[in-house]
Protein backbone atom coordinates (compact mmCIF):
# COMPACT_ATOMS: atom_id res chain seq x y z
CA MET A 1 21.22 10.47 -9.92
CA SER A 2 18.72 7.83 -8.05
CA VAL A 3 17.36 8.91 -4.43
CA LYS A 4 18.99 7.36 -1.14
CA GLY A 5 16.33 5.88 0.57
CA THR A 6 13.84 5.14 -1.71
CA ILE A 7 10.54 4.29 -0.31
CA ASP A 8 7.96 1.89 -1.74
CA ILE A 9 4.25 2.65 -0.30
CA VAL A 10 2.72 -1.09 -1.88
CA VAL A 11 4.36 -4.30 -1.37
CA ASN A 12 2.55 -7.54 -1.10
CA VAL A 13 3.76 -10.55 0.64
CA THR A 14 4.52 -12.98 -1.58
CA THR A 15 7.03 -15.64 0.64
CA PRO A 16 7.01 -19.30 -0.22
CA ASP A 17 4.53 -20.40 2.47
CA LEU A 18 1.76 -17.94 1.46
CA ILE A 19 1.85 -19.14 -1.86
CA LYS A 20 2.11 -22.78 -0.64
CA ARG A 21 -1.49 -21.99 1.44
CA GLY A 22 -3.18 -20.33 -1.61
CA GLY A 23 -2.37 -16.78 0.09
CA SER A 24 -2.32 -15.23 -3.36
CA PRO A 25 -5.71 -13.94 -4.39
CA SER A 26 -5.01 -14.14 -8.06
CA ASP A 27 -4.74 -17.42 -10.74
CA GLU A 28 -2.31 -17.79 -13.25
CA THR A 29 -3.82 -16.09 -16.21
CA PHE A 30 -3.91 -12.73 -14.15
CA LYS A 31 -0.13 -13.63 -13.47
CA ASP A 32 0.16 -13.87 -17.43
CA GLN A 33 -1.38 -11.03 -18.11
CA VAL A 34 0.83 -9.00 -15.75
CA ARG A 35 3.84 -10.93 -17.21
CA GLN A 36 4.72 -11.89 -13.53
CA PRO A 37 8.06 -13.99 -13.82
CA LYS A 38 7.48 -17.62 -13.86
CA GLY A 39 10.29 -18.19 -12.28
CA ALA A 40 8.76 -16.06 -8.90
CA ARG A 41 5.07 -17.15 -9.15
CA LYS A 42 6.29 -20.20 -6.20
CA GLY A 43 6.92 -17.10 -4.01
CA VAL A 44 10.16 -15.43 -2.86
CA SER A 45 11.51 -15.03 0.52
CA ILE A 46 11.53 -12.07 2.70
CA ALA A 47 15.63 -12.76 2.75
CA ASP A 48 15.13 -12.22 -1.10
CA TYR A 49 13.45 -9.86 -1.06
CA LEU A 50 15.64 -7.51 0.97
CA ARG A 51 18.25 -8.17 -1.60
CA LYS A 52 16.22 -7.22 -4.34
CA MET A 53 15.33 -3.47 -2.21
CA ASP A 54 19.01 -3.51 -1.70
CA ARG A 55 20.36 -3.48 -5.70
CA ALA A 56 17.17 -1.10 -5.96
CA GLY A 57 18.19 1.34 -3.24
CA ILE A 58 14.68 1.27 -1.34
CA GLU A 59 15.17 1.67 2.29
CA ARG A 60 11.82 0.79 3.52
CA SER A 61 8.53 -1.57 2.05
CA LEU A 62 5.09 -0.95 3.31
CA LEU A 63 3.51 -4.25 3.86
CA ILE A 64 -0.04 -5.09 3.21
CA ALA A 65 -1.70 -7.48 5.37
CA VAL A 66 -4.61 -8.01 2.46
CA ARG A 67 -8.19 -8.73 2.59
CA ALA A 68 -9.57 -9.44 -0.33
CA GLY A 69 -13.09 -9.99 -0.20
CA ASP A 70 -15.61 -11.09 2.54
CA MET A 71 -14.27 -14.68 4.04
CA ARG A 72 -17.47 -16.26 3.24
CA MET A 73 -17.47 -15.93 0.23
CA GLU A 74 -15.46 -18.75 -1.91
CA GLY A 75 -11.99 -17.15 -3.70
CA SER A 76 -11.54 -14.37 -0.59
CA LYS A 77 -7.88 -13.95 0.67
CA GLU A 78 -6.25 -12.24 3.76
CA ILE A 79 -3.18 -12.21 5.17
CA SER A 80 -3.48 -11.89 9.21
CA TYR A 81 -1.98 -8.92 10.59
CA LYS A 82 -0.14 -10.81 13.33
CA TYR A 83 1.89 -12.67 10.09
CA VAL A 84 2.77 -9.30 8.27
CA ALA A 85 3.81 -7.73 11.86
CA ASP A 86 6.45 -10.36 12.61
CA ILE A 87 8.24 -9.61 9.40
CA CYS A 88 8.19 -5.55 10.13
CA ARG A 89 9.19 -6.55 14.04
CA LYS A 90 11.86 -8.65 12.48
CA TYR A 91 13.22 -5.88 10.41
CA PRO A 92 12.15 -2.80 11.85
CA ASP A 93 14.22 -0.65 10.04
CA ARG A 94 12.99 -1.94 6.21
CA PHE A 95 9.21 -2.83 6.26
CA SER A 96 6.35 -1.33 8.38
CA GLY A 97 2.87 -3.23 7.84
CA LEU A 98 -1.03 -1.45 6.27
CA ALA A 99 -3.79 -2.94 7.67
CA GLY A 100 -6.17 -4.60 5.38
CA VAL A 101 -9.80 -3.22 5.58
CA ASN A 102 -12.79 -6.10 5.51
CA PRO A 103 -15.99 -3.51 5.47
CA MET A 104 -18.17 -6.41 6.27
CA LEU A 105 -16.55 -7.28 9.90
CA GLY A 106 -18.49 -3.76 10.91
CA MET A 107 -17.69 -2.85 14.53
CA GLN A 108 -14.90 -6.03 14.49
CA GLN A 109 -12.63 -4.25 11.80
CA LEU A 110 -12.71 -0.74 13.84
CA ARG A 111 -10.97 -2.74 17.08
CA ASP A 112 -9.08 -4.72 13.95
CA LEU A 113 -7.36 -1.28 13.32
CA GLU A 114 -6.75 0.02 16.63
CA GLU A 115 -5.22 -3.09 17.06
CA ALA A 116 -2.50 -2.52 13.87
CA VAL A 117 -1.60 0.59 14.93
CA ASP A 118 -1.54 0.25 18.96
CA LYS A 119 0.05 -3.34 18.97
CA TYR A 120 1.86 -4.28 15.54
CA GLY A 121 2.67 -0.79 14.74
CA PHE A 122 1.17 -0.65 11.25
CA VAL A 123 1.35 2.88 10.00
CA GLY A 124 -1.99 2.79 7.43
CA ALA A 125 -4.68 1.30 6.29
CA HIS A 126 -5.41 -0.32 3.16
CA PHE A 127 -8.70 -0.78 1.06
CA TYR A 128 -9.55 -3.13 -2.10
CA PRO A 129 -13.27 -1.25 -3.35
CA HIS A 130 -14.20 -4.13 -6.19
CA TRP A 131 -13.19 -7.28 -3.73
CA PHE A 132 -16.18 -5.77 -1.82
CA ASP A 133 -18.19 -4.88 -4.66
CA MET A 134 -18.05 -0.81 -2.81
CA ALA A 135 -16.95 2.30 -4.27
CA PRO A 136 -15.04 4.41 -1.86
CA ASP A 137 -18.02 6.10 -0.79
CA HIS A 138 -20.48 3.28 0.39
CA PRO A 139 -21.78 3.86 3.79
CA TYR A 140 -20.28 0.64 5.29
CA ILE A 141 -16.52 2.10 4.81
CA PHE A 142 -17.27 5.68 6.31
CA PRO A 143 -17.12 4.24 9.85
CA VAL A 144 -13.23 2.97 8.98
CA TYR A 145 -12.49 6.66 7.65
CA ALA A 146 -13.66 7.87 11.21
CA LYS A 147 -11.44 5.00 12.94
CA CYS A 148 -7.95 6.26 10.70
CA ILE A 149 -8.76 9.94 11.18
CA GLU A 150 -8.74 8.80 15.21
CA LEU A 151 -5.64 6.81 14.62
CA ASP A 152 -4.26 9.47 12.88
CA ILE A 153 -3.55 7.04 9.33
CA PRO A 154 -3.79 7.61 6.24
CA ILE A 155 -5.67 5.07 4.14
CA MET A 156 -4.65 3.88 0.63
CA MET A 157 -7.30 1.97 -1.81
CA GLN A 158 -7.12 1.08 -5.13
CA VAL A 159 -8.59 3.61 -7.73
CA GLY A 160 -9.60 2.60 -10.96
CA HIS A 161 -10.41 -0.23 -12.55
CA ASN A 162 -9.18 -3.51 -11.82
CA LEU A 163 -8.24 -6.74 -13.91
CA ILE A 164 -9.76 -10.32 -13.39
CA TYR A 165 -8.02 -11.65 -10.64
CA GLN A 166 -9.75 -15.50 -10.83
CA ARG A 167 -11.28 -16.80 -13.40
CA ASP A 168 -14.43 -17.73 -11.80
CA ARG A 169 -14.91 -14.80 -10.01
CA ARG A 170 -14.60 -11.55 -12.11
CA LEU A 171 -14.90 -8.19 -10.31
CA PRO A 172 -16.54 -5.26 -11.19
CA SER A 173 -14.29 -1.89 -11.06
CA MET A 174 -15.71 -0.23 -8.37
CA ALA A 175 -13.28 2.94 -7.67
CA GLN A 176 -13.78 5.87 -9.54
CA PRO A 177 -11.81 8.62 -8.55
CA ILE A 178 -14.54 11.04 -8.19
CA THR A 179 -16.22 8.68 -5.85
CA LEU A 180 -13.16 9.83 -3.58
CA ASP A 181 -14.65 13.80 -3.75
CA ARG A 182 -17.54 13.40 -1.19
CA ILE A 183 -15.12 11.18 0.92
CA ALA A 184 -12.83 14.40 1.09
CA ILE A 185 -15.06 16.55 1.85
CA LEU A 186 -16.61 15.33 4.87
CA TYR A 187 -13.95 14.28 6.04
CA PRO A 188 -11.14 16.72 5.58
CA GLU A 189 -8.58 15.84 8.52
CA LEU A 190 -8.72 11.96 6.76
CA LYS A 191 -5.37 11.66 4.19
CA LEU A 192 -6.64 9.43 1.58
CA LEU A 193 -4.40 7.98 -1.03
CA GLY A 194 -5.33 6.66 -4.21
CA ILE A 195 -3.15 3.84 -5.58
CA HIS A 196 -2.79 2.16 -8.92
CA LEU A 197 -2.93 5.78 -10.76
CA GLY A 198 -6.29 5.98 -11.26
CA VAL A 199 -6.57 4.31 -14.76
CA PRO A 200 -8.05 4.52 -16.87
CA TRP A 201 -9.33 7.98 -15.58
CA THR A 202 -6.46 9.74 -15.06
CA ASP A 203 -7.30 12.52 -15.51
CA GLU A 204 -10.09 12.73 -13.25
CA MET A 205 -7.54 11.32 -10.23
CA ILE A 206 -5.37 14.14 -10.85
CA SER A 207 -8.32 16.49 -10.92
CA MET A 208 -9.28 14.90 -7.18
CA ALA A 209 -5.73 15.38 -5.35
CA TRP A 210 -5.62 19.08 -6.90
CA LYS A 211 -9.07 20.22 -5.73
CA HIS A 212 -8.79 18.31 -2.17
CA GLU A 213 -5.43 18.90 -0.42
CA ASN A 214 -6.19 15.38 1.80
CA ILE A 215 -6.08 13.22 -1.57
CA TYR A 216 -2.91 12.11 -2.91
CA ILE A 217 -1.52 9.45 -5.42
CA GLY A 218 -0.03 6.45 -5.33
CA GLY A 219 2.26 5.33 -8.53
CA ASP A 220 1.87 1.61 -8.45
CA ALA A 221 1.43 -1.36 -10.44
CA TYR A 222 1.75 0.14 -13.66
CA ALA A 223 5.98 0.31 -14.61
CA PRO A 224 6.96 4.12 -14.31
CA SER A 225 7.65 3.87 -18.02
CA TYR A 226 3.94 3.76 -19.19
CA TRP A 227 3.00 6.60 -16.38
CA PRO A 228 0.62 8.18 -18.42
CA LYS A 229 2.16 11.76 -19.29
CA GLN A 230 0.09 13.83 -17.51
CA MET A 231 0.38 12.37 -14.52
CA VAL A 232 3.99 12.61 -15.36
CA HIS A 233 3.81 16.30 -15.31
CA TYR A 234 1.75 16.87 -12.32
CA ALA A 235 4.46 14.62 -10.12
CA ASN A 236 7.27 16.29 -11.67
CA THR A 237 5.66 20.13 -11.40
CA TYR A 238 2.29 21.10 -9.28
CA GLY A 239 1.45 17.67 -7.83
CA SER A 240 5.25 16.88 -6.63
CA HIS A 241 3.84 16.72 -3.08
CA LYS A 242 0.87 14.71 -3.72
CA PHE A 243 2.77 11.49 -5.46
CA LEU A 244 4.28 8.88 -4.18
CA PHE A 245 6.15 6.13 -5.54
CA GLY A 246 5.32 2.07 -5.15
CA THR A 247 5.03 -1.52 -7.49
CA ASP A 248 2.68 -3.60 -5.88
CA TRP A 249 5.00 -6.01 -5.95
CA MET A 250 4.66 -8.40 -7.82
CA VAL A 251 2.84 -6.66 -10.07
CA ILE A 252 5.96 -4.49 -10.52
CA ASP A 253 9.61 -4.89 -9.77
CA PRO A 254 11.04 -2.77 -7.72
CA GLU A 255 14.63 -2.65 -9.32
CA ARG A 256 12.65 -2.02 -13.06
CA ALA A 257 10.64 0.39 -11.32
CA VAL A 258 13.71 2.40 -9.95
CA ARG A 259 15.15 2.12 -13.71
CA ASP A 260 12.51 3.55 -15.21
CA VAL A 261 11.59 6.54 -12.83
CA GLU A 262 15.83 7.13 -13.60
CA GLU A 263 14.65 7.71 -17.12
CA LEU A 264 11.16 9.95 -16.66
CA GLY A 265 13.88 13.07 -16.34
CA PHE A 266 11.93 14.38 -13.12
CA ARG A 267 13.67 17.73 -11.63
CA PRO A 268 16.13 16.34 -8.56
CA ASP A 269 13.63 17.88 -5.81
CA SER A 270 10.17 16.64 -7.22
CA LYS A 271 12.00 13.02 -7.61
CA VAL A 272 12.78 13.41 -3.59
CA LYS A 273 9.70 14.13 -2.72
CA ILE A 274 7.81 11.22 -4.83
CA MET A 275 10.81 8.49 -3.54
CA ARG A 276 10.81 9.15 -0.17
CA ASP A 277 10.06 12.69 1.82
CA ASN A 278 5.95 12.19 0.90
CA ALA A 279 5.81 8.71 2.05
CA LEU A 280 7.92 9.92 4.99
CA ARG A 281 5.50 12.55 5.87
CA ILE A 282 2.25 11.20 4.99
CA PHE A 283 3.22 7.94 6.76
CA LYS A 284 4.89 9.72 9.60
CA LEU A 285 7.80 7.07 8.89
CA PRO A 286 11.00 6.78 10.77
CA LYS A 287 14.04 8.76 8.82
CA GLY A 288 17.73 8.95 9.25
CA GLY A 289 17.94 4.82 9.97
CA LEU A 290 16.02 4.87 13.15
CA LYS A 291 14.43 1.41 13.47
CA THR A 292 11.62 2.52 16.16
CA THR A 293 9.06 4.62 17.41
CA PRO A 294 7.33 4.95 20.40
CA ARG A 295 4.06 4.48 19.08
CA ASN A 296 4.96 2.10 16.82
CA TRP A 297 6.54 -0.46 19.07
CA GLY A 298 5.95 0.21 22.67
CA ALA A 299 2.80 -2.42 22.60
CA ALA A 300 4.29 -4.71 20.17
CA LEU A 301 7.53 -5.05 22.60
CA ALA A 302 5.39 -5.87 25.68
CA ASP A 303 4.65 -8.91 23.88
CA ALA A 304 7.97 -10.18 23.60
CA PRO A 305 9.33 -12.49 26.16
CA SER A 306 10.52 -10.42 29.63
CA LYS A 307 13.36 -10.25 31.05
CA LYS A 308 12.72 -9.05 34.14
CA GLY A 309 14.21 -11.36 37.48
CA LYS A 310 16.88 -13.06 35.04
CA LYS A 311 20.52 -12.51 36.05
């Protein structure tokens, strides 16, 4: 039986206008490698994606305002926080935002995170180590971790190897799971989420989540039918409170991902945690159909045109 109100913790914004403006950080070779449907490569509207979520039984998706590389370098891409916030504000019961991190911005990045949470209601941060040629334990990122603790938000990052997104800009794999070890020790209050399963260091990713109570694992970017057996066992048993479902759309189609999970034979209580409850707890998401929370939207609503004085 599928889980009612599934939450997808990793979703890329791929609207037609963004694609047309060159907002995708990946080229056609990458899209061929991950088998992206050719019909979707020109973009998928939010309305169409909502229909896809409905068919998959997904209640809420976390949208990344991605920061992929130092914008002074050719090939780097980013999506503005406001662009994602506008989508979340229009559909507050279906989407929440994740703030992309660019460590090269220094103090400005810390101010940006405050704005993302306090003004736009974002529920977490997102970091791509390979796009900045920085391992997760690089000192430039430590102030970001401290700010995430202050803002009481988790930070997710791609852990494991990365592919070649652009043929003329090949990025090295920087994020071996063991690099989370020192971070978890220095920042025990920080909620660290290693997404992409840590492949090919899957056992190392499991060991980090087992060692540290503040490290979690995101099961995205690989179709669940291809999740390593030891990861499925971990998620189904002693790590059921540490594993979260995600797709990394467009890499994995949510309808296919949810179907795959149904075939893995998870225990009912483990499946509920993986598909919903862990995300609700770690990202402090609204539940039961609630559309807003005072922290998430008080400042954002203040930006709306005032009706004061109108009759």
